[in-house]
Amino acid sequence: MDSDSTNPNPKKVRSGEDFDILIGFLGFWALVLFVLTAFLEVTGKPALLPAMILLAVVLAIWGMVRLRKRLPPRRAGRSG
């Protein structure tokens, strides 16, 4: 018996896990862009483009987290 057969809406749970993966991916790039922007600012080089991309990534993370809160919690690792 498949574990998804007991779940009333496996597609909705799956999409929640996909959101978690995407939030983690965006979080990694936000950290990279933050370090790059800080380095460029400290060295006196132009940092407007990395800062604008960082803003877009942070806003995307914020939106994804808000959408993720509406989905059910992850069920990975639970038995029964």
PDB file of N, CA and C in Angstrom:
ATOM      1  N   MET A   1       0.835  -1.176   0.000  1.00  0.00           N
ATOM      2  CA  MET A   1       0.000   0.000   0.000  1.00  0.00           C
ATOM      3  C   MET A   1       0.878   1.236   0.000  1.00  0.00           C
ATOM      4  N   ASP A   2       0.574   2.167  -0.864  1.00  0.00           N
ATOM      5  CA  ASP A   2       1.346   3.392  -0.987  1.00  0.00           C
ATOM      6  C   ASP A   2       0.997   4.342   0.160  1.00  0.00           C
ATOM      7  N   SER A   3       2.007   5.039   0.679  1.00  0.00           N
ATOM      8  CA  SER A   3       1.747   5.953   1.800  1.00  0.00           C
ATOM      9  C   SER A   3       0.906   7.149   1.368  1.00  0.00           C
ATOM     10  N   ASP A   4       0.941   7.486   0.064  1.00  0.00           N
ATOM     11  CA  ASP A   4       0.133   8.600  -0.423  1.00  0.00           C
ATOM     12  C   ASP A   4      -1.348   8.259  -0.524  1.00  0.00           C
ATOM     13  N   SER A   5      -1.691   6.964  -0.492  1.00  0.00           N
ATOM     14  CA  SER A   5      -3.091   6.584  -0.644  1.00  0.00           C
ATOM     15  C   SER A   5      -3.928   6.978   0.569  1.00  0.00           C
ATOM     16  N   THR A   6      -3.296   7.150   1.744  1.00  0.00           N
ATOM     17  CA  THR A   6      -4.034   7.560   2.935  1.00  0.00           C
ATOM     18  C   THR A   6      -4.173   9.072   3.019  1.00  0.00           C
ATOM     19  N   ASN A   7      -3.414   9.792   2.239  1.00  0.00           N
ATOM     20  CA  ASN A   7      -3.454  11.245   2.249  1.00  0.00           C
ATOM     21  C   ASN A   7      -4.591  11.721   1.343  1.00  0.00           C
ATOM     22  N   PRO A   8      -5.477  12.580   1.840  1.00  0.00           N
ATOM     23  CA  PRO A   8      -6.616  12.996   1.028  1.00  0.00           C
ATOM     24  C   PRO A   8      -6.228  13.804  -0.211  1.00  0.00           C
ATOM     25  N   ASN A   9      -5.172  14.582  -0.136  1.00  0.00           N
ATOM     26  CA  ASN A   9      -4.779  15.394  -1.287  1.00  0.00           C
ATOM     27  C   ASN A   9      -3.259  15.407  -1.412  1.00  0.00           C
ATOM     28  N   PRO A  10      -2.666  14.349  -1.991  1.00  0.00           N
ATOM     29  CA  PRO A  10      -1.205  14.265  -2.045  1.00  0.00           C
ATOM     30  C   PRO A  10      -0.574  15.364  -2.887  1.00  0.00           C
ATOM     31  N   LYS A  11      -1.290  15.883  -3.879  1.00  0.00           N
ATOM     32  CA  LYS A  11      -0.735  16.939  -4.729  1.00  0.00           C
ATOM     33  C   LYS A  11      -0.511  18.218  -3.924  1.00  0.00           C
ATOM     34  N   LYS A  12      -1.406  18.524  -2.980  1.00  0.00           N
ATOM     35  CA  LYS A  12      -1.259  19.715  -2.166  1.00  0.00           C
ATOM     36  C   LYS A  12      -0.058  19.584  -1.219  1.00  0.00           C
ATOM     37  N   VAL A  13       0.141  18.413  -0.645  1.00  0.00           N
ATOM     38  CA  VAL A  13       1.296  18.196   0.225  1.00  0.00           C
ATOM     39  C   VAL A  13       2.573  18.265  -0.599  1.00  0.00           C
ATOM     40  N   ARG A  14       2.560  17.695  -1.766  1.00  0.00           N
ATOM     41  CA  ARG A  14       3.723  17.721  -2.647  1.00  0.00           C
ATOM     42  C   ARG A  14       4.086  19.159  -2.998  1.00  0.00           C
ATOM     43  N   SER A  15       3.100  19.983  -3.285  1.00  0.00           N
ATOM     44  CA  SER A  15       3.405  21.361  -3.652  1.00  0.00           C
ATOM     45  C   SER A  15       4.012  22.109  -2.469  1.00  0.00           C
ATOM     46  N   GLY A  16       3.623  21.777  -1.241  1.00  0.00           N
ATOM     47  CA  GLY A  16       4.229  22.380  -0.064  1.00  0.00           C
ATOM     48  C   GLY A  16       5.697  22.032   0.049  1.00  0.00           C
ATOM     49  N   GLU A  17       6.033  20.791  -0.251  1.00  0.00           N
ATOM     50  CA  GLU A  17       7.433  20.379  -0.220  1.00  0.00           C
ATOM     51  C   GLU A  17       8.214  21.065  -1.336  1.00  0.00           C
ATOM     52  N   ASP A  18       7.581  21.270  -2.474  1.00  0.00           N
ATOM     53  CA  ASP A  18       8.241  21.991  -3.561  1.00  0.00           C
ATOM     54  C   ASP A  18       8.523  23.436  -3.149  1.00  0.00           C
ATOM     55  N   PHE A  19       7.605  24.047  -2.421  1.00  0.00           N
ATOM     56  CA  PHE A  19       7.824  25.402  -1.932  1.00  0.00           C
ATOM     57  C   PHE A  19       9.031  25.432  -1.000  1.00  0.00           C
ATOM     58  N   ASP A  20       9.164  24.435  -0.135  1.00  0.00           N
ATOM     59  CA  ASP A  20      10.296  24.379   0.784  1.00  0.00           C
ATOM     60  C   ASP A  20      11.614  24.310   0.029  1.00  0.00           C
ATOM     61  N   ILE A  21      11.644  23.515  -1.020  1.00  0.00           N
ATOM     62  CA  ILE A  21      12.852  23.381  -1.826  1.00  0.00           C
ATOM     63  C   ILE A  21      13.176  24.709  -2.504  1.00  0.00           C
ATOM     64  N   LEU A  22      12.182  25.339  -3.069  1.00  0.00           N
ATOM     65  CA  LEU A  22      12.398  26.607  -3.768  1.00  0.00           C
ATOM     66  C   LEU A  22      12.826  27.712  -2.804  1.00  0.00           C
ATOM     67  N   ILE A  23      12.255  27.734  -1.614  1.00  0.00           N
ATOM     68  CA  ILE A  23      12.648  28.724  -0.613  1.00  0.00           C
ATOM     69  C   ILE A  23      14.111  28.519  -0.217  1.00  0.00           C
ATOM     70  N   GLY A  24      14.515  27.275  -0.060  1.00  0.00           N
ATOM     71  CA  GLY A  24      15.921  26.992   0.257  1.00  0.00           C
ATOM     72  C   GLY A  24      16.862  27.410  -0.859  1.00  0.00           C
ATOM     73  N   PHE A  25      16.466  27.146  -2.104  1.00  0.00           N
ATOM     74  CA  PHE A  25      17.267  27.537  -3.261  1.00  0.00           C
ATOM     75  C   PHE A  25      17.417  29.054  -3.321  1.00  0.00           C
ATOM     76  N   LEU A  26      16.314  29.753  -3.154  1.00  0.00           N
ATOM     77  CA  LEU A  26      16.359  31.216  -3.168  1.00  0.00           C
ATOM     78  C   LEU A  26      17.155  31.767  -1.979  1.00  0.00           C
ATOM     79  N   GLY A  27      17.041  31.105  -0.841  1.00  0.00           N
ATOM     80  CA  GLY A  27      17.797  31.530   0.339  1.00  0.00           C
ATOM     81  C   GLY A  27      19.295  31.427   0.130  1.00  0.00           C
ATOM     82  N   PHE A  28      19.732  30.358  -0.538  1.00  0.00           N
ATOM     83  CA  PHE A  28      21.147  30.202  -0.843  1.00  0.00           C
ATOM     84  C   PHE A  28      21.630  31.352  -1.714  1.00  0.00           C
ATOM     85  N   TRP A  29      20.887  31.660  -2.775  1.00  0.00           N
ATOM     86  CA  TRP A  29      21.303  32.730  -3.674  1.00  0.00           C
ATOM     87  C   TRP A  29      21.199  34.093  -3.013  1.00  0.00           C
ATOM     88  N   ALA A  30      20.275  34.260  -2.087  1.00  0.00           N
ATOM     89  CA  ALA A  30      20.197  35.524  -1.351  1.00  0.00           C
ATOM     90  C   ALA A  30      21.462  35.714  -0.507  1.00  0.00           C
ATOM     91  N   LEU A  31      21.931  34.641   0.111  1.00  0.00           N
ATOM     92  CA  LEU A  31      23.156  34.721   0.906  1.00  0.00           C
ATOM     93  C   LEU A  31      24.357  35.060   0.014  1.00  0.00           C
ATOM     94  N   VAL A  32      24.464  34.402  -1.126  1.00  0.00           N
ATOM     95  CA  VAL A  32      25.554  34.676  -2.065  1.00  0.00           C
ATOM     96  C   VAL A  32      25.502  36.129  -2.529  1.00  0.00           C
ATOM     97  N   LEU A  33      24.323  36.595  -2.892  1.00  0.00           N
ATOM     98  CA  LEU A  33      24.190  37.978  -3.356  1.00  0.00           C
ATOM     99  C   LEU A  33      24.469  38.981  -2.247  1.00  0.00           C
ATOM    100  N   PHE A  34      24.097  38.648  -1.022  1.00  0.00           N
ATOM    101  CA  PHE A  34      24.379  39.541   0.101  1.00  0.00           C
ATOM    102  C   PHE A  34      25.880  39.689   0.304  1.00  0.00           C
ATOM    103  N   VAL A  35      26.596  38.562   0.283  1.00  0.00           N
ATOM    104  CA  VAL A  35      28.050  38.609   0.453  1.00  0.00           C
ATOM    105  C   VAL A  35      28.691  39.387  -0.693  1.00  0.00           C
ATOM    106  N   LEU A  36      28.244  39.138  -1.915  1.00  0.00           N
ATOM    107  CA  LEU A  36      28.782  39.851  -3.074  1.00  0.00           C
ATOM    108  C   LEU A  36      28.520  41.349  -2.973  1.00  0.00           C
ATOM    109  N   THR A  37      27.309  41.722  -2.619  1.00  0.00           N
ATOM    110  CA  THR A  37      26.958  43.138  -2.502  1.00  0.00           C
ATOM    111  C   THR A  37      27.765  43.812  -1.400  1.00  0.00           C
ATOM    112  N   ALA A  38      27.898  43.154  -0.268  1.00  0.00           N
ATOM    113  CA  ALA A  38      28.688  43.719   0.830  1.00  0.00           C
ATOM    114  C   ALA A  38      30.146  43.889   0.413  1.00  0.00           C
ATOM    115  N   PHE A  39      30.690  42.904  -0.274  1.00  0.00           N
ATOM    116  CA  PHE A  39      32.074  42.991  -0.744  1.00  0.00           C
ATOM    117  C   PHE A  39      32.250  44.156  -1.721  1.00  0.00           C
ATOM    118  N   LEU A  40      31.325  44.289  -2.655  1.00  0.00           N
ATOM    119  CA  LEU A  40      31.423  45.386  -3.624  1.00  0.00           C
ATOM    120  C   LEU A  40      31.289  46.747  -2.950  1.00  0.00           C
ATOM    121  N   GLU A  41      30.427  46.848  -1.959  1.00  0.00           N
ATOM    122  CA  GLU A  41      30.259  48.112  -1.241  1.00  0.00           C
ATOM    123  C   GLU A  41      31.525  48.469  -0.465  1.00  0.00           C
ATOM    124  N   VAL A  42      32.120  47.491   0.192  1.00  0.00           N
ATOM    125  CA  VAL A  42      33.315  47.742   0.996  1.00  0.00           C
ATOM    126  C   VAL A  42      34.490  48.131   0.112  1.00  0.00           C
ATOM    127  N   THR A  43      34.600  47.512  -1.048  1.00  0.00           N
ATOM    128  CA  THR A  43      35.719  47.811  -1.941  1.00  0.00           C
ATOM    129  C   THR A  43      35.471  49.055  -2.793  1.00  0.00           C
ATOM    130  N   GLY A  44      34.294  49.642  -2.736  1.00  0.00           N
ATOM    131  CA  GLY A  44      34.010  50.870  -3.464  1.00  0.00           C
ATOM    132  C   GLY A  44      33.642  50.661  -4.923  1.00  0.00           C
ATOM    133  N   LYS A  45      33.316  49.456  -5.298  1.00  0.00           N
ATOM    134  CA  LYS A  45      32.919  49.171  -6.678  1.00  0.00           C
ATOM    135  C   LYS A  45      31.402  49.305  -6.806  1.00  0.00           C
ATOM    136  N   PRO A  46      30.892  49.479  -8.021  1.00  0.00           N
ATOM    137  CA  PRO A  46      29.436  49.605  -8.203  1.00  0.00           C
ATOM    138  C   PRO A  46      28.703  48.338  -7.753  1.00  0.00           C
ATOM    139  N   ALA A  47      27.684  48.518  -6.911  1.00  0.00           N
ATOM    140  CA  ALA A  47      26.964  47.381  -6.356  1.00  0.00           C
ATOM    141  C   ALA A  47      25.461  47.495  -6.580  1.00  0.00           C
ATOM    142  N   LEU A  48      25.046  48.388  -7.463  1.00  0.00           N
ATOM    143  CA  LEU A  48      23.611  48.603  -7.650  1.00  0.00           C
ATOM    144  C   LEU A  48      22.919  47.375  -8.234  1.00  0.00           C
ATOM    145  N   LEU A  49      23.481  46.794  -9.276  1.00  0.00           N
ATOM    146  CA  LEU A  49      22.838  45.634  -9.907  1.00  0.00           C
ATOM    147  C   LEU A  49      22.730  44.439  -8.950  1.00  0.00           C
ATOM    148  N   PRO A  50      23.817  44.036  -8.262  1.00  0.00           N
ATOM    149  CA  PRO A  50      23.660  42.939  -7.299  1.00  0.00           C
ATOM    150  C   PRO A  50      22.676  43.279  -6.174  1.00  0.00           C
ATOM    151  N   ALA A  51      22.636  44.531  -5.762  1.00  0.00           N
ATOM    152  CA  ALA A  51      21.704  44.933  -4.699  1.00  0.00           C
ATOM    153  C   ALA A  51      20.256  44.844  -5.174  1.00  0.00           C
ATOM    154  N   MET A  52      20.011  45.217  -6.414  1.00  0.00           N
ATOM    155  CA  MET A  52      18.651  45.135  -6.958  1.00  0.00           C
ATOM    156  C   MET A  52      18.224  43.676  -7.141  1.00  0.00           C
ATOM    157  N   ILE A  53      19.153  42.838  -7.583  1.00  0.00           N
ATOM    158  CA  ILE A  53      18.838  41.410  -7.718  1.00  0.00           C
ATOM    159  C   ILE A  53      18.590  40.812  -6.342  1.00  0.00           C
ATOM    160  N   LEU A  54      19.389  41.207  -5.353  1.00  0.00           N
ATOM    161  CA  LEU A  54      19.183  40.738  -3.984  1.00  0.00           C
ATOM    162  C   LEU A  54      17.803  41.151  -3.478  1.00  0.00           C
ATOM    163  N   LEU A  55      17.392  42.370  -3.752  1.00  0.00           N
ATOM    164  CA  LEU A  55      16.057  42.830  -3.359  1.00  0.00           C
ATOM    165  C   LEU A  55      14.977  41.961  -3.990  1.00  0.00           C
ATOM    166  N   ALA A  56      15.118  41.662  -5.271  1.00  0.00           N
ATOM    167  CA  ALA A  56      14.136  40.820  -5.957  1.00  0.00           C
ATOM    168  C   ALA A  56      14.088  39.415  -5.348  1.00  0.00           C
ATOM    169  N   VAL A  57      15.243  38.860  -5.025  1.00  0.00           N
ATOM    170  CA  VAL A  57      15.288  37.511  -4.434  1.00  0.00           C
ATOM    171  C   VAL A  57      14.660  37.520  -3.045  1.00  0.00           C
ATOM    172  N   VAL A  58      14.963  38.535  -2.249  1.00  0.00           N
ATOM    173  CA  VAL A  58      14.386  38.619  -0.893  1.00  0.00           C
ATOM    174  C   VAL A  58      12.869  38.784  -0.963  1.00  0.00           C
ATOM    175  N   LEU A  59      12.397  39.598  -1.889  1.00  0.00           N
ATOM    176  CA  LEU A  59      10.946  39.744  -2.052  1.00  0.00           C
ATOM    177  C   LEU A  59      10.306  38.439  -2.528  1.00  0.00           C
ATOM    178  N   ALA A  60      10.998  37.702  -3.377  1.00  0.00           N
ATOM    179  CA  ALA A  60      10.491  36.405  -3.828  1.00  0.00           C
ATOM    180  C   ALA A  60      10.415  35.425  -2.654  1.00  0.00           C
ATOM    181  N   ILE A  61      11.432  35.424  -1.806  1.00  0.00           N
ATOM    182  CA  ILE A  61      11.414  34.552  -0.620  1.00  0.00           C
ATOM    183  C   ILE A  61      10.257  34.935   0.290  1.00  0.00           C
ATOM    184  N   TRP A  62      10.067  36.210   0.509  1.00  0.00           N
ATOM    185  CA  TRP A  62       8.977  36.681   1.366  1.00  0.00           C
ATOM    186  C   TRP A  62       7.623  36.217   0.822  1.00  0.00           C
ATOM    187  N   GLY A  63       7.441  36.361  -0.484  1.00  0.00           N
ATOM    188  CA  GLY A  63       6.189  35.918  -1.090  1.00  0.00           C
ATOM    189  C   GLY A  63       6.009  34.407  -1.003  1.00  0.00           C
ATOM    190  N   MET A  64       7.078  33.661  -1.210  1.00  0.00           N
ATOM    191  CA  MET A  64       6.997  32.199  -1.138  1.00  0.00           C
ATOM    192  C   MET A  64       6.673  31.732   0.283  1.00  0.00           C
ATOM    193  N   VAL A  65       7.260  32.376   1.268  1.00  0.00           N
ATOM    194  CA  VAL A  65       6.982  32.005   2.664  1.00  0.00           C
ATOM    195  C   VAL A  65       5.522  32.301   3.005  1.00  0.00           C
ATOM    196  N   ARG A  66       5.005  33.419   2.535  1.00  0.00           N
ATOM    197  CA  ARG A  66       3.589  33.730   2.781  1.00  0.00           C
ATOM    198  C   ARG A  66       2.672  32.699   2.132  1.00  0.00           C
ATOM    199  N   LEU A  67       2.998  32.305   0.893  1.00  0.00           N
ATOM    200  CA  LEU A  67       2.194  31.285   0.226  1.00  0.00           C
ATOM    201  C   LEU A  67       2.345  29.925   0.900  1.00  0.00           C
ATOM    202  N   ARG A  68       3.539  29.626   1.384  1.00  0.00           N
ATOM    203  CA  ARG A  68       3.809  28.324   2.010  1.00  0.00           C
ATOM    204  C   ARG A  68       3.001  28.148   3.293  1.00  0.00           C
ATOM    205  N   LYS A  69       2.765  29.248   4.005  1.00  0.00           N
ATOM    206  CA  LYS A  69       2.004  29.163   5.261  1.00  0.00           C
ATOM    207  C   LYS A  69       0.574  28.680   5.036  1.00  0.00           C
ATOM    208  N   ARG A  70       0.048  28.856   3.842  1.00  0.00           N
ATOM    209  CA  ARG A  70      -1.321  28.421   3.540  1.00  0.00           C
ATOM    210  C   ARG A  70      -1.416  26.931   3.259  1.00  0.00           C
ATOM    211  N   LEU A  71      -0.298  26.289   2.984  1.00  0.00           N
ATOM    212  CA  LEU A  71      -0.294  24.871   2.645  1.00  0.00           C
ATOM    213  C   LEU A  71      -0.114  24.038   3.904  1.00  0.00           C
ATOM    214  N   PRO A  72      -0.494  22.752   3.850  1.00  0.00           N
ATOM    215  CA  PRO A  72      -0.349  21.896   5.046  1.00  0.00           C
ATOM    216  C   PRO A  72       1.118  21.651   5.366  1.00  0.00           C
ATOM    217  N   PRO A  73       1.402  21.287   6.642  1.00  0.00           N
ATOM    218  CA  PRO A  73       2.791  21.020   7.020  1.00  0.00           C
ATOM    219  C   PRO A  73       3.333  19.779   6.315  1.00  0.00           C
ATOM    220  N   ARG A  74       4.663  19.705   6.247  1.00  0.00           N
ATOM    221  CA  ARG A  74       5.288  18.541   5.624  1.00  0.00           C
ATOM    222  C   ARG A  74       5.014  17.301   6.451  1.00  0.00           C
ATOM    223  N   ARG A  75       4.919  16.155   5.772  1.00  0.00           N
ATOM    224  CA  ARG A  75       4.619  14.904   6.457  1.00  0.00           C
ATOM    225  C   ARG A  75       5.775  13.929   6.362  1.00  0.00           C
ATOM    226  N   ALA A  76       6.896  14.329   5.808  1.00  0.00           N
ATOM    227  CA  ALA A  76       8.039  13.429   5.647  1.00  0.00           C
ATOM    228  C   ALA A  76       8.568  13.007   7.018  1.00  0.00           C
ATOM    229  N   GLY A  77       8.875  11.743   7.135  1.00  0.00           N
ATOM    230  CA  GLY A  77       9.446  11.225   8.356  1.00  0.00           C
ATOM    231  C   GLY A  77       8.435  10.772   9.391  1.00  0.00           C
ATOM    232  N   ARG A  78       7.180  11.015   9.165  1.00  0.00           N
ATOM    233  CA  ARG A  78       6.142  10.565  10.109  1.00  0.00           C
ATOM    234  C   ARG A  78       5.645   9.194   9.707  1.00  0.00           C
ATOM    235  N   SER A  79       5.445   8.355  10.669  1.00  0.00           N
ATOM    236  CA  SER A  79       4.897   7.020  10.377  1.00  0.00           C
ATOM    237  C   SER A  79       3.440   6.967  10.794  1.00  0.00           C
ATOM    238  N   GLY A  80       2.663   6.290   9.957  1.00  0.00           N
ATOM    239  CA  GLY A  80       1.256   6.093  10.305  1.00  0.00           C
ATOM    240  C   GLY A  80       0.430   7.184   9.886  1.00  0.00           C
TER     241      GLY A  80
END
